[in-house]
Protein backbone atom coordinates (compact mmCIF):
# COMPACT_ATOMS: atom_id res chain seq x y z
CA MET A 1 7.30 15.38 17.22
CA PHE A 2 6.18 13.65 14.10
CA ASN A 3 10.36 13.79 13.28
CA ASP A 4 11.27 12.24 16.84
CA ASN A 5 8.72 9.58 16.85
CA LEU A 6 10.91 8.24 12.87
CA LYS A 7 14.06 8.51 15.48
CA ARG A 8 13.03 6.42 18.05
CA LYS A 9 11.51 3.59 15.88
CA LYS A 10 14.78 3.90 13.79
CA GLU A 11 16.70 3.57 17.30
CA VAL A 12 14.19 0.66 18.42
CA ASN A 13 15.07 -1.27 14.48
CA LYS A 14 18.34 -0.19 12.82
CA SER A 15 15.85 -1.85 9.33
CA PHE A 16 13.39 0.73 9.97
CA CYS A 17 14.56 3.47 7.56
CA TYR A 18 13.11 6.68 6.86
CA ALA A 19 13.14 10.67 4.91
CA TYR A 20 11.69 14.24 4.69
CA GLU A 21 12.49 17.31 3.45
CA LEU A 22 12.01 20.78 5.20
CA ASP A 23 10.62 24.00 2.93
CA ASP A 24 12.41 27.30 3.40
CA GLU A 25 10.47 27.47 6.38
CA GLN A 26 11.44 23.54 8.13
CA ARG A 27 8.22 22.60 7.75
CA LEU A 28 7.85 19.40 6.12
CA LYS A 29 7.07 18.89 2.42
CA HIS A 30 7.55 15.39 1.84
CA VAL A 31 8.47 12.29 4.46
CA PHE A 32 8.92 8.59 3.02
CA TRP A 33 8.88 5.55 5.34
CA ALA A 34 9.51 1.79 5.26
CA ASP A 35 10.04 -0.97 8.59
CA ASN A 36 11.82 -4.68 7.80
CA VAL A 37 8.08 -6.15 7.19
CA SER A 38 7.53 -3.32 4.39
CA ARG A 39 11.23 -4.33 2.92
CA LYS A 40 10.99 -7.45 2.80
CA ASN A 41 7.45 -8.00 1.50
CA TYR A 42 8.31 -5.79 -1.61
CA ALA A 43 11.49 -7.95 -1.76
CA LEU A 44 9.25 -11.26 -2.51
CA TYR A 45 6.64 -9.85 -4.39
CA GLY A 46 7.21 -6.29 -5.49
CA ASP A 47 7.13 -7.06 -8.92
CA VAL A 48 3.55 -5.51 -9.62
CA VAL A 49 2.89 -2.57 -7.39
CA SER A 50 0.18 -0.55 -7.63
CA PHE A 51 0.31 3.56 -6.29
CA VAL A 52 -2.59 5.95 -6.17
CA GLN A 53 -2.46 8.94 -3.75
CA HIS A 54 -4.87 10.44 -1.73
CA LEU A 55 -5.46 14.12 -0.56
CA THR A 56 -5.57 14.06 3.67
CA LYS A 57 -7.13 17.12 5.38
CA ILE A 58 -4.26 17.34 7.89
CA ASP A 59 -2.45 20.17 6.50
CA MET A 60 -3.57 19.44 3.03
CA MET A 61 -1.38 16.78 2.18
CA VAL A 62 -1.17 13.47 0.04
CA PHE A 63 -1.34 9.93 1.20
CA ALA A 64 0.73 8.43 -1.22
CA PRO A 65 1.61 3.67 -0.44
CA LEU A 66 2.53 1.73 -2.38
CA THR A 67 0.80 -1.75 -2.11
CA ASP A 68 0.35 -5.17 -4.22
CA ILE A 69 -1.16 -8.39 -3.21
CA ASP A 70 0.83 -11.22 -2.47
CA ASN A 71 -0.14 -15.19 -3.22
CA ASN A 72 -2.63 -15.37 -0.97
CA ARG A 73 -4.45 -12.04 -1.92
CA HIS A 74 -3.26 -9.68 1.32
CA CYS A 75 -2.74 -6.13 0.59
CA MET A 76 0.98 -4.80 1.08
CA THR A 77 1.97 -1.69 1.71
CA PHE A 78 6.02 -1.56 0.82
CA ARG A 79 5.72 1.81 1.91
CA VAL A 80 4.23 5.08 2.91
CA THR A 81 4.40 9.04 2.11
CA PHE A 82 3.08 12.19 2.61
CA LEU A 83 3.57 14.54 0.03
CA HIS A 84 2.99 18.03 -0.08
CA ASP A 85 1.97 18.34 -3.44
CA GLU A 86 2.17 16.46 -6.53
CA LYS A 87 4.60 17.89 -8.55
CA SER A 88 7.29 15.61 -11.06
CA GLU A 89 9.80 16.79 -8.57
CA THR A 90 8.13 15.41 -5.89
CA PHE A 91 7.36 12.73 -6.96
CA ILE A 92 11.38 11.97 -8.53
CA TRP A 93 11.91 12.38 -4.91
CA LEU A 94 9.90 9.84 -3.63
CA PHE A 95 10.66 7.65 -6.10
CA GLU A 96 14.43 8.06 -5.76
CA LYS A 97 14.07 7.64 -1.96
CA PHE A 98 11.84 4.28 -2.33
CA LEU A 99 14.44 2.51 -5.04
CA GLU A 100 17.39 3.71 -2.66
CA VAL A 101 15.78 1.74 0.71
CA MET A 102 14.79 -1.25 -1.52
CA SER A 103 18.34 -1.58 -2.55
CA GLY A 104 18.12 -0.60 -6.23
CA HIS A 105 15.28 -3.30 -6.80
CA LYS A 106 12.86 -1.48 -9.32
CA PRO A 107 9.24 -3.19 -10.15
CA ILE A 108 8.35 -4.78 -13.35
CA TYR A 109 5.15 -3.14 -13.45
CA ILE A 110 3.96 0.30 -11.78
CA ILE A 111 0.08 0.61 -11.89
CA THR A 112 -1.37 4.77 -11.32
CA ASP A 113 -3.87 6.67 -12.43
CA GLN A 114 -3.25 9.85 -15.50
CA ASP A 115 -1.23 11.73 -13.39
CA PRO A 116 1.12 13.86 -16.03
CA PRO A 117 2.79 14.84 -13.24
CA LEU A 118 3.34 11.03 -11.99
CA LYS A 119 3.77 9.67 -15.56
CA VAL A 120 7.63 12.39 -15.64
CA ALA A 121 8.22 10.84 -13.01
CA ILE A 122 7.83 7.74 -12.93
CA GLN A 123 9.62 7.58 -16.81
CA ASN A 124 12.83 9.32 -14.79
CA ALA A 125 13.21 6.72 -12.16
CA PHE A 126 12.46 3.68 -13.41
CA ASP A 127 13.88 2.43 -17.11
CA THR A 128 12.86 -1.09 -17.01
CA PHE A 129 9.66 -1.17 -16.79
CA THR A 130 6.21 -1.34 -18.17
CA HIS A 131 3.79 1.64 -16.98
CA ARG A 132 0.06 0.99 -17.10
CA PHE A 133 -2.49 3.77 -16.44
CA GLY A 134 -5.56 2.37 -14.93
CA LEU A 135 -6.35 3.23 -11.49
């Protein structure tokens, strides 16, 4: 049902992007999506981004938005993700999909918590920015 909803959004809005991965039992492992507004905002304000994960009660998935603020100090979400786990491979998948959707535009800074698997994934996915632990 969730995948059908994302497909409908893509049919209505061709610039809507999403990706997902299923496990061996055909259950949702990861899902990522971004609309045209979030892609445009990232192009304008995506030099410094904040990445924080939150454990949800929905199938115990991790909610992981990538956010920043604009010139008027309004919070913007560049993409939304649900992840099955917090392993380096999962974060690498996420950042690869993110870069595909954002035309390869890498942020200059990423602010995160001190999650070691996230640090490994950031070092693998991004090579031209400064990573700061700070949340």
